[in-house]
């Protein structure tokens, strides 16, 4: 996986703080987000999932609605996203 310099530093920090840093179990590394971002079971040993979303011109209104919701509820954008989709069925 190719990363930007800041993304590479994030990955390095995550690996350095992973519970597998000392044990270096290759199979655990293969199941990590940083090895297989499309099919992973953990991020640096933690049960987590990551979703990066980019809003471009035609979708900017969605971002603005999310931002407004976060502001009105005094919560982060991440919390607003989870709150909205946690209550919505598709």
PDB file of N, CA and C in Angstrom:
ATOM      1  N   UNK A   1       0.852  -1.167   0.000  1.00  0.00           N
ATOM      2  CA  UNK A   1       0.000   0.000   0.000  1.00  0.00           C
ATOM      3  C   UNK A   1       0.901   1.233   0.000  1.00  0.00           C
ATOM      4  N   UNK A   2       0.723   2.110  -0.975  1.00  0.00           N
ATOM      5  CA  UNK A   2       1.486   3.343  -1.039  1.00  0.00           C
ATOM      6  C   UNK A   2       0.866   4.375  -0.111  1.00  0.00           C
ATOM      7  N   UNK A   3       1.720   5.090   0.616  1.00  0.00           N
ATOM      8  CA  UNK A   3       1.246   6.093   1.557  1.00  0.00           C
ATOM      9  C   UNK A   3       1.973   7.406   1.348  1.00  0.00           C
ATOM     10  N   UNK A   4       1.312   8.486   1.711  1.00  0.00           N
ATOM     11  CA  UNK A   4       1.955   9.791   1.737  1.00  0.00           C
ATOM     12  C   UNK A   4       2.935   9.805   2.911  1.00  0.00           C
ATOM     13  N   UNK A   5       3.819  10.797   2.978  1.00  0.00           N
ATOM     14  CA  UNK A   5       4.729  10.847   4.127  1.00  0.00           C
ATOM     15  C   UNK A   5       3.998  10.860   5.477  1.00  0.00           C
ATOM     16  N   UNK A   6       2.921  11.621   5.591  1.00  0.00           N
ATOM     17  CA  UNK A   6       2.198  11.648   6.869  1.00  0.00           C
ATOM     18  C   UNK A   6       1.477  10.321   7.109  1.00  0.00           C
ATOM     19  N   UNK A   7       0.944   9.711   6.053  1.00  0.00           N
ATOM     20  CA  UNK A   7       0.302   8.406   6.180  1.00  0.00           C
ATOM     21  C   UNK A   7       1.301   7.333   6.579  1.00  0.00           C
ATOM     22  N   UNK A   8       2.506   7.423   6.025  1.00  0.00           N
ATOM     23  CA  UNK A   8       3.549   6.459   6.362  1.00  0.00           C
ATOM     24  C   UNK A   8       3.952   6.596   7.828  1.00  0.00           C
ATOM     25  N   UNK A   9       4.009   7.833   8.313  1.00  0.00           N
ATOM     26  CA  UNK A   9       4.350   8.042   9.725  1.00  0.00           C
ATOM     27  C   UNK A   9       3.250   7.493  10.628  1.00  0.00           C
ATOM     28  N   UNK A  10       1.991   7.683  10.235  1.00  0.00           N
ATOM     29  CA  UNK A  10       0.869   7.141  11.005  1.00  0.00           C
ATOM     30  C   UNK A  10       0.977   5.623  11.086  1.00  0.00           C
ATOM     31  N   UNK A  11       1.283   5.000   9.942  1.00  0.00           N
ATOM     32  CA  UNK A  11       1.446   3.542   9.907  1.00  0.00           C
ATOM     33  C   UNK A  11       2.607   3.114  10.801  1.00  0.00           C
ATOM     34  N   UNK A  12       3.731   3.808  10.693  1.00  0.00           N
ATOM     35  CA  UNK A  12       4.896   3.458  11.511  1.00  0.00           C
ATOM     36  C   UNK A  12       4.577   3.549  12.994  1.00  0.00           C
ATOM     37  N   UNK A  13       3.902   4.632  13.396  1.00  0.00           N
ATOM     38  CA  UNK A  13       3.542   4.810  14.807  1.00  0.00           C
ATOM     39  C   UNK A  13       2.621   3.681  15.256  1.00  0.00           C
ATOM     40  N   UNK A  14       1.630   3.355  14.417  1.00  0.00           N
ATOM     41  CA  UNK A  14       0.682   2.285  14.756  1.00  0.00           C
ATOM     42  C   UNK A  14       1.418   0.958  14.934  1.00  0.00           C
ATOM     43  N   UNK A  15       2.320   0.644  14.016  1.00  0.00           N
ATOM     44  CA  UNK A  15       3.071  -0.614  14.114  1.00  0.00           C
ATOM     45  C   UNK A  15       3.961  -0.626  15.358  1.00  0.00           C
ATOM     46  N   UNK A  16       4.607   0.499  15.650  1.00  0.00           N
ATOM     47  CA  UNK A  16       5.492   0.584  16.813  1.00  0.00           C
ATOM     48  C   UNK A  16       4.731   0.403  18.124  1.00  0.00           C
ATOM     49  N   UNK A  17       3.443   0.722  18.132  1.00  0.00           N
ATOM     50  CA  UNK A  17       2.635   0.621  19.348  1.00  0.00           C
ATOM     51  C   UNK A  17       1.694  -0.591  19.337  1.00  0.00           C
ATOM     52  N   UNK A  18       1.831  -1.429  18.327  1.00  0.00           N
ATOM     53  CA  UNK A  18       1.014  -2.639  18.223  1.00  0.00           C
ATOM     54  C   UNK A  18       1.496  -3.682  19.232  1.00  0.00           C
ATOM     55  N   UNK A  19       0.544  -4.456  19.759  1.00  0.00           N
ATOM     56  CA  UNK A  19       0.930  -5.516  20.705  1.00  0.00           C
ATOM     57  C   UNK A  19       1.781  -6.588  20.026  1.00  0.00           C
ATOM     58  N   UNK A  20       1.808  -6.606  18.701  1.00  0.00           N
ATOM     59  CA  UNK A  20       2.612  -7.576  17.957  1.00  0.00           C
ATOM     60  C   UNK A  20       4.019  -7.043  17.643  1.00  0.00           C
ATOM     61  N   UNK A  21       4.342  -5.848  18.087  1.00  0.00           N
ATOM     62  CA  UNK A  21       5.633  -5.231  17.767  1.00  0.00           C
ATOM     63  C   UNK A  21       6.796  -6.103  18.245  1.00  0.00           C
ATOM     64  N   UNK A  22       6.660  -6.684  19.412  1.00  0.00           N
ATOM     65  CA  UNK A  22       7.740  -7.518  19.951  1.00  0.00           C
ATOM     66  C   UNK A  22       7.672  -8.933  19.387  1.00  0.00           C
ATOM     67  N   UNK A  23       6.482  -9.522  19.346  1.00  0.00           N
ATOM     68  CA  UNK A  23       6.321 -10.898  18.881  1.00  0.00           C
ATOM     69  C   UNK A  23       6.542 -11.080  17.393  1.00  0.00           C
ATOM     70  N   UNK A  24       6.203 -10.071  16.621  1.00  0.00           N
ATOM     71  CA  UNK A  24       6.376 -10.080  15.163  1.00  0.00           C
ATOM     72  C   UNK A  24       5.789 -11.325  14.491  1.00  0.00           C
ATOM     73  N   UNK A  25       4.545 -11.635  14.827  1.00  0.00           N
ATOM     74  CA  UNK A  25       3.826 -12.739  14.195  1.00  0.00           C
ATOM     75  C   UNK A  25       3.411 -12.290  12.788  1.00  0.00           C
ATOM     76  N   UNK A  26       4.018 -12.871  11.771  1.00  0.00           N
ATOM     77  CA  UNK A  26       3.764 -12.463  10.385  1.00  0.00           C
ATOM     78  C   UNK A  26       2.295 -12.625   9.999  1.00  0.00           C
ATOM     79  N   UNK A  27       1.643 -13.658  10.493  1.00  0.00           N
ATOM     80  CA  UNK A  27       0.224 -13.862  10.172  1.00  0.00           C
ATOM     81  C   UNK A  27      -0.638 -12.740  10.729  1.00  0.00           C
ATOM     82  N   UNK A  28      -0.306 -12.263  11.920  1.00  0.00           N
ATOM     83  CA  UNK A  28      -1.054 -11.138  12.485  1.00  0.00           C
ATOM     84  C   UNK A  28      -0.850  -9.892  11.624  1.00  0.00           C
ATOM     85  N   UNK A  29       0.377  -9.675  11.184  1.00  0.00           N
ATOM     86  CA  UNK A  29       0.661  -8.522  10.320  1.00  0.00           C
ATOM     87  C   UNK A  29      -0.120  -8.616   9.007  1.00  0.00           C
ATOM     88  N   UNK A  30      -0.245  -9.813   8.460  1.00  0.00           N
ATOM     89  CA  UNK A  30      -0.967 -10.000   7.197  1.00  0.00           C
ATOM     90  C   UNK A  30      -2.449  -9.677   7.318  1.00  0.00           C
ATOM     91  N   UNK A  31      -2.993  -9.758   8.539  1.00  0.00           N
ATOM     92  CA  UNK A  31      -4.413  -9.477   8.755  1.00  0.00           C
ATOM     93  C   UNK A  31      -4.671  -8.020   9.138  1.00  0.00           C
ATOM     94  N   UNK A  32      -3.623  -7.207   9.161  1.00  0.00           N
ATOM     95  CA  UNK A  32      -3.727  -5.805   9.579  1.00  0.00           C
ATOM     96  C   UNK A  32      -4.187  -4.900   8.428  1.00  0.00           C
ATOM     97  N   UNK A  33      -4.865  -3.831   8.778  1.00  0.00           N
ATOM     98  CA  UNK A  33      -5.314  -2.819   7.814  1.00  0.00           C
ATOM     99  C   UNK A  33      -4.153  -2.331   6.946  1.00  0.00           C
ATOM    100  N   UNK A  34      -2.998  -2.135   7.562  1.00  0.00           N
ATOM    101  CA  UNK A  34      -1.869  -1.582   6.821  1.00  0.00           C
ATOM    102  C   UNK A  34      -1.274  -2.578   5.831  1.00  0.00           C
ATOM    103  N   UNK A  35      -1.600  -3.859   5.948  1.00  0.00           N
ATOM    104  CA  UNK A  35      -1.161  -4.859   4.975  1.00  0.00           C
ATOM    105  C   UNK A  35      -2.235  -5.118   3.924  1.00  0.00           C
ATOM    106  N   UNK A  36      -3.494  -5.140   4.337  1.00  0.00           N
ATOM    107  CA  UNK A  36      -4.619  -5.462   3.449  1.00  0.00           C
ATOM    108  C   UNK A  36      -5.787  -4.506   3.720  1.00  0.00           C
ATOM    109  N   UNK A  37      -5.752  -3.277   3.234  1.00  0.00           N
ATOM    110  CA  UNK A  37      -6.815  -2.319   3.562  1.00  0.00           C
ATOM    111  C   UNK A  37      -8.206  -2.711   3.061  1.00  0.00           C
ATOM    112  N   UNK A  38      -8.299  -3.628   2.113  1.00  0.00           N
ATOM    113  CA  UNK A  38      -9.612  -4.059   1.619  1.00  0.00           C
ATOM    114  C   UNK A  38     -10.174  -5.239   2.413  1.00  0.00           C
ATOM    115  N   UNK A  39      -9.312  -5.951   3.134  1.00  0.00           N
ATOM    116  CA  UNK A  39      -9.747  -7.149   3.858  1.00  0.00           C
ATOM    117  C   UNK A  39      -8.849  -7.349   5.075  1.00  0.00           C
ATOM    118  N   UNK A  40      -9.229  -6.761   6.195  1.00  0.00           N
ATOM    119  CA  UNK A  40      -8.400  -6.830   7.393  1.00  0.00           C
ATOM    120  C   UNK A  40      -9.254  -7.155   8.611  1.00  0.00           C
ATOM    121  N   UNK A  41      -8.612  -7.664   9.653  1.00  0.00           N
ATOM    122  CA  UNK A  41      -9.344  -8.009  10.874  1.00  0.00           C
ATOM    123  C   UNK A  41      -9.036  -7.060  12.026  1.00  0.00           C
ATOM    124  N   UNK A  42      -8.003  -6.241  11.867  1.00  0.00           N
ATOM    125  CA  UNK A  42      -7.634  -5.311  12.939  1.00  0.00           C
ATOM    126  C   UNK A  42      -6.785  -4.177  12.378  1.00  0.00           C
ATOM    127  N   UNK A  43      -6.597  -3.156  13.208  1.00  0.00           N
ATOM    128  CA  UNK A  43      -5.660  -2.079  12.899  1.00  0.00           C
ATOM    129  C   UNK A  43      -4.665  -2.044  14.048  1.00  0.00           C
ATOM    130  N   UNK A  44      -3.435  -2.414  13.752  1.00  0.00           N
ATOM    131  CA  UNK A  44      -2.359  -2.444  14.747  1.00  0.00           C
ATOM    132  C   UNK A  44      -2.767  -3.210  16.003  1.00  0.00           C
ATOM    133  N   UNK A  45      -3.425  -4.341  15.797  1.00  0.00           N
ATOM    134  CA  UNK A  45      -3.786  -5.215  16.904  1.00  0.00           C
ATOM    135  C   UNK A  45      -5.076  -4.864  17.616  1.00  0.00           C
ATOM    136  N   UNK A  46      -5.707  -3.772  17.251  1.00  0.00           N
ATOM    137  CA  UNK A  46      -6.961  -3.353  17.878  1.00  0.00           C
ATOM    138  C   UNK A  46      -8.131  -3.676  16.955  1.00  0.00           C
ATOM    139  N   UNK A  47      -9.237  -4.119  17.536  1.00  0.00           N
ATOM    140  CA  UNK A  47     -10.434  -4.382  16.731  1.00  0.00           C
ATOM    141  C   UNK A  47     -11.031  -3.036  16.328  1.00  0.00           C
ATOM    142  N   UNK A  48     -10.684  -2.597  15.152  1.00  0.00           N
ATOM    143  CA  UNK A  48     -11.132  -1.312  14.610  1.00  0.00           C
ATOM    144  C   UNK A  48     -11.404  -1.464  13.123  1.00  0.00           C
ATOM    145  N   UNK A  49     -12.169  -0.540  12.590  1.00  0.00           N
ATOM    146  CA  UNK A  49     -12.370  -0.423  11.149  1.00  0.00           C
ATOM    147  C   UNK A  49     -12.169   1.038  10.790  1.00  0.00           C
ATOM    148  N   UNK A  50     -11.682   1.261   9.606  1.00  0.00           N
ATOM    149  CA  UNK A  50     -11.378   2.614   9.164  1.00  0.00           C
ATOM    150  C   UNK A  50     -12.113   2.893   7.863  1.00  0.00           C
ATOM    151  N   UNK A  51     -12.643   4.104   7.757  1.00  0.00           N
ATOM    152  CA  UNK A  51     -13.345   4.527   6.554  1.00  0.00           C
ATOM    153  C   UNK A  51     -12.940   5.962   6.246  1.00  0.00           C
ATOM    154  N   UNK A  52     -12.253   6.165   5.138  1.00  0.00           N
ATOM    155  CA  UNK A  52     -11.872   7.505   4.701  1.00  0.00           C
ATOM    156  C   UNK A  52     -12.818   7.925   3.589  1.00  0.00           C
ATOM    157  N   UNK A  53     -13.446   9.067   3.760  1.00  0.00           N
ATOM    158  CA  UNK A  53     -14.419   9.545   2.778  1.00  0.00           C
ATOM    159  C   UNK A  53     -13.974  10.903   2.257  1.00  0.00           C
ATOM    160  N   UNK A  54     -14.003  11.059   0.954  1.00  0.00           N
ATOM    161  CA  UNK A  54     -13.685  12.339   0.332  1.00  0.00           C
ATOM    162  C   UNK A  54     -14.953  12.883  -0.302  1.00  0.00           C
ATOM    163  N   UNK A  55     -15.303  14.102   0.069  1.00  0.00           N
ATOM    164  CA  UNK A  55     -16.465  14.772  -0.502  1.00  0.00           C
ATOM    165  C   UNK A  55     -15.970  15.744  -1.564  1.00  0.00           C
ATOM    166  N   UNK A  56     -16.405  15.552  -2.803  1.00  0.00           N
ATOM    167  CA  UNK A  56     -16.054  16.471  -3.887  1.00  0.00           C
ATOM    168  C   UNK A  56     -17.272  17.299  -4.242  1.00  0.00           C
ATOM    169  N   UNK A  57     -17.097  18.196  -5.165  1.00  0.00           N
ATOM    170  CA  UNK A  57     -18.083  19.230  -5.506  1.00  0.00           C
ATOM    171  C   UNK A  57     -19.544  18.800  -5.447  1.00  0.00           C
ATOM    172  N   UNK A  58     -19.940  17.765  -6.153  1.00  0.00           N
ATOM    173  CA  UNK A  58     -21.364  17.409  -6.207  1.00  0.00           C
ATOM    174  C   UNK A  58     -21.883  16.823  -4.895  1.00  0.00           C
ATOM    175  N   UNK A  59     -20.983  16.382  -4.026  1.00  0.00           N
ATOM    176  CA  UNK A  59     -21.377  15.800  -2.744  1.00  0.00           C
ATOM    177  C   UNK A  59     -21.106  16.725  -1.556  1.00  0.00           C
ATOM    178  N   UNK A  60     -20.643  17.935  -1.839  1.00  0.00           N
ATOM    179  CA  UNK A  60     -20.270  18.849  -0.764  1.00  0.00           C
ATOM    180  C   UNK A  60     -21.444  19.155   0.163  1.00  0.00           C
ATOM    181  N   UNK A  61     -22.660  19.148  -0.375  1.00  0.00           N
ATOM    182  CA  UNK A  61     -23.836  19.429   0.455  1.00  0.00           C
ATOM    183  C   UNK A  61     -24.019  18.362   1.542  1.00  0.00           C
ATOM    184  N   UNK A  62     -23.623  17.139   1.254  1.00  0.00           N
ATOM    185  CA  UNK A  62     -23.720  16.067   2.245  1.00  0.00           C
ATOM    186  C   UNK A  62     -22.773  16.368   3.410  1.00  0.00           C
ATOM    187  N   UNK A  63     -21.568  16.773   3.071  1.00  0.00           N
ATOM    188  CA  UNK A  63     -20.592  17.134   4.099  1.00  0.00           C
ATOM    189  C   UNK A  63     -21.102  18.295   4.944  1.00  0.00           C
ATOM    190  N   UNK A  64     -21.665  19.300   4.291  1.00  0.00           N
ATOM    191  CA  UNK A  64     -22.165  20.470   5.017  1.00  0.00           C
ATOM    192  C   UNK A  64     -23.312  20.092   5.950  1.00  0.00           C
ATOM    193  N   UNK A  65     -24.181  19.177   5.522  1.00  0.00           N
ATOM    194  CA  UNK A  65     -25.268  18.714   6.392  1.00  0.00           C
ATOM    195  C   UNK A  65     -24.705  17.986   7.613  1.00  0.00           C
ATOM    196  N   UNK A  66     -23.714  17.167   7.385  1.00  0.00           N
ATOM    197  CA  UNK A  66     -23.080  16.430   8.474  1.00  0.00           C
ATOM    198  C   UNK A  66     -22.401  17.392   9.448  1.00  0.00           C
ATOM    199  N   UNK A  67     -21.726  18.380   8.901  1.00  0.00           N
ATOM    200  CA  UNK A  67     -21.049  19.389   9.712  1.00  0.00           C
ATOM    201  C   UNK A  67     -22.058  20.172  10.554  1.00  0.00           C
ATOM    202  N   UNK A  68     -23.194  20.519   9.952  1.00  0.00           N
ATOM    203  CA  UNK A  68     -24.249  21.248  10.665  1.00  0.00           C
ATOM    204  C   UNK A  68     -24.805  20.395  11.805  1.00  0.00           C
ATOM    205  N   UNK A  69     -25.061  19.124  11.528  1.00  0.00           N
ATOM    206  CA  UNK A  69     -25.562  18.205  12.551  1.00  0.00           C
ATOM    207  C   UNK A  69     -24.577  18.115  13.720  1.00  0.00           C
ATOM    208  N   UNK A  70     -23.301  18.000  13.402  1.00  0.00           N
ATOM    209  CA  UNK A  70     -22.269  17.916  14.442  1.00  0.00           C
ATOM    210  C   UNK A  70     -22.250  19.187  15.284  1.00  0.00           C
ATOM    211  N   UNK A  71     -22.339  20.324  14.625  1.00  0.00           N
ATOM    212  CA  UNK A  71     -22.329  21.604  15.338  1.00  0.00           C
ATOM    213  C   UNK A  71     -23.543  21.730  16.252  1.00  0.00           C
ATOM    214  N   UNK A  72     -24.717  21.402  15.718  1.00  0.00           N
ATOM    215  CA  UNK A  72     -25.953  21.527  16.492  1.00  0.00           C
ATOM    216  C   UNK A  72     -25.965  20.615  17.717  1.00  0.00           C
ATOM    217  N   UNK A  73     -25.360  19.448  17.599  1.00  0.00           N
ATOM    218  CA  UNK A  73     -25.342  18.492  18.718  1.00  0.00           C
ATOM    219  C   UNK A  73     -24.070  18.606  19.561  1.00  0.00           C
ATOM    220  N   UNK A  74     -23.183  19.527  19.136  1.00  0.00           N
ATOM    221  CA  UNK A  74     -21.912  19.738  19.828  1.00  0.00           C
ATOM    222  C   UNK A  74     -21.112  18.433  19.922  1.00  0.00           C
ATOM    223  N   UNK A  75     -21.011  17.747  18.778  1.00  0.00           N
ATOM    224  CA  UNK A  75     -20.261  16.496  18.689  1.00  0.00           C
ATOM    225  C   UNK A  75     -19.301  16.575  17.503  1.00  0.00           C
ATOM    226  N   UNK A  76     -18.393  15.632  17.421  1.00  0.00           N
ATOM    227  CA  UNK A  76     -17.438  15.605  16.309  1.00  0.00           C
ATOM    228  C   UNK A  76     -18.126  15.131  15.027  1.00  0.00           C
ATOM    229  N   UNK A  77     -17.492  15.381  13.900  1.00  0.00           N
ATOM    230  CA  UNK A  77     -18.010  14.882  12.619  1.00  0.00           C
ATOM    231  C   UNK A  77     -18.094  13.358  12.640  1.00  0.00           C
ATOM    232  N   UNK A  78     -17.122  12.712  13.232  1.00  0.00           N
ATOM    233  CA  UNK A  78     -17.130  11.249  13.316  1.00  0.00           C
ATOM    234  C   UNK A  78     -18.336  10.769  14.120  1.00  0.00           C
ATOM    235  N   UNK A  79     -18.600  11.416  15.242  1.00  0.00           N
ATOM    236  CA  UNK A  79     -19.755  11.030  16.056  1.00  0.00           C
ATOM    237  C   UNK A  79     -21.061  11.294  15.311  1.00  0.00           C
ATOM    238  N   UNK A  80     -21.128  12.405  14.571  1.00  0.00           N
ATOM    239  CA  UNK A  80     -22.335  12.727  13.804  1.00  0.00           C
ATOM    240  C   UNK A  80     -22.572  11.678  12.720  1.00  0.00           C
ATOM    241  N   UNK A  81     -21.522  11.273  12.041  1.00  0.00           N
ATOM    242  CA  UNK A  81     -21.618  10.251  10.998  1.00  0.00           C
ATOM    243  C   UNK A  81     -22.147   8.945  11.583  1.00  0.00           C
ATOM    244  N   UNK A  82     -21.562   8.513  12.686  1.00  0.00           N
ATOM    245  CA  UNK A  82     -21.988   7.263  13.327  1.00  0.00           C
ATOM    246  C   UNK A  82     -23.418   7.369  13.829  1.00  0.00           C
ATOM    247  N   UNK A  83     -23.769   8.524  14.382  1.00  0.00           N
ATOM    248  CA  UNK A  83     -25.124   8.736  14.889  1.00  0.00           C
ATOM    249  C   UNK A  83     -26.137   8.642  13.754  1.00  0.00           C
ATOM    250  N   UNK A  84     -25.844   9.302  12.647  1.00  0.00           N
ATOM    251  CA  UNK A  84     -26.753   9.304  11.505  1.00  0.00           C
ATOM    252  C   UNK A  84     -26.917   7.902  10.931  1.00  0.00           C
ATOM    253  N   UNK A  85     -25.825   7.227  10.668  1.00  0.00           N
ATOM    254  CA  UNK A  85     -25.904   5.911  10.041  1.00  0.00           C
ATOM    255  C   UNK A  85     -26.290   4.809  11.017  1.00  0.00           C
ATOM    256  N   UNK A  86     -26.123   5.045  12.297  1.00  0.00           N
ATOM    257  CA  UNK A  86     -26.557   4.073  13.290  1.00  0.00           C
ATOM    258  C   UNK A  86     -28.069   3.994  13.396  1.00  0.00           C
ATOM    259  N   UNK A  87     -28.757   5.055  12.972  1.00  0.00           N
ATOM    260  CA  UNK A  87     -30.217   5.115  13.054  1.00  0.00           C
ATOM    261  C   UNK A  87     -30.879   4.882  11.706  1.00  0.00           C
ATOM    262  N   UNK A  88     -30.099   4.830  10.651  1.00  0.00           N
ATOM    263  CA  UNK A  88     -30.631   4.736   9.299  1.00  0.00           C
ATOM    264  C   UNK A  88     -30.507   3.314   8.769  1.00  0.00           C
ATOM    265  N   UNK A  89     -31.545   2.848   8.106  1.00  0.00           N
ATOM    266  CA  UNK A  89     -31.450   1.566   7.409  1.00  0.00           C
ATOM    267  C   UNK A  89     -31.449   1.844   5.918  1.00  0.00           C
ATOM    268  N   UNK A  90     -30.630   1.134   5.218  1.00  0.00           N
ATOM    269  CA  UNK A  90     -30.493   1.358   3.769  1.00  0.00           C
ATOM    270  C   UNK A  90     -31.192   0.245   3.028  1.00  0.00           C
TER     271      UNK A  90
END
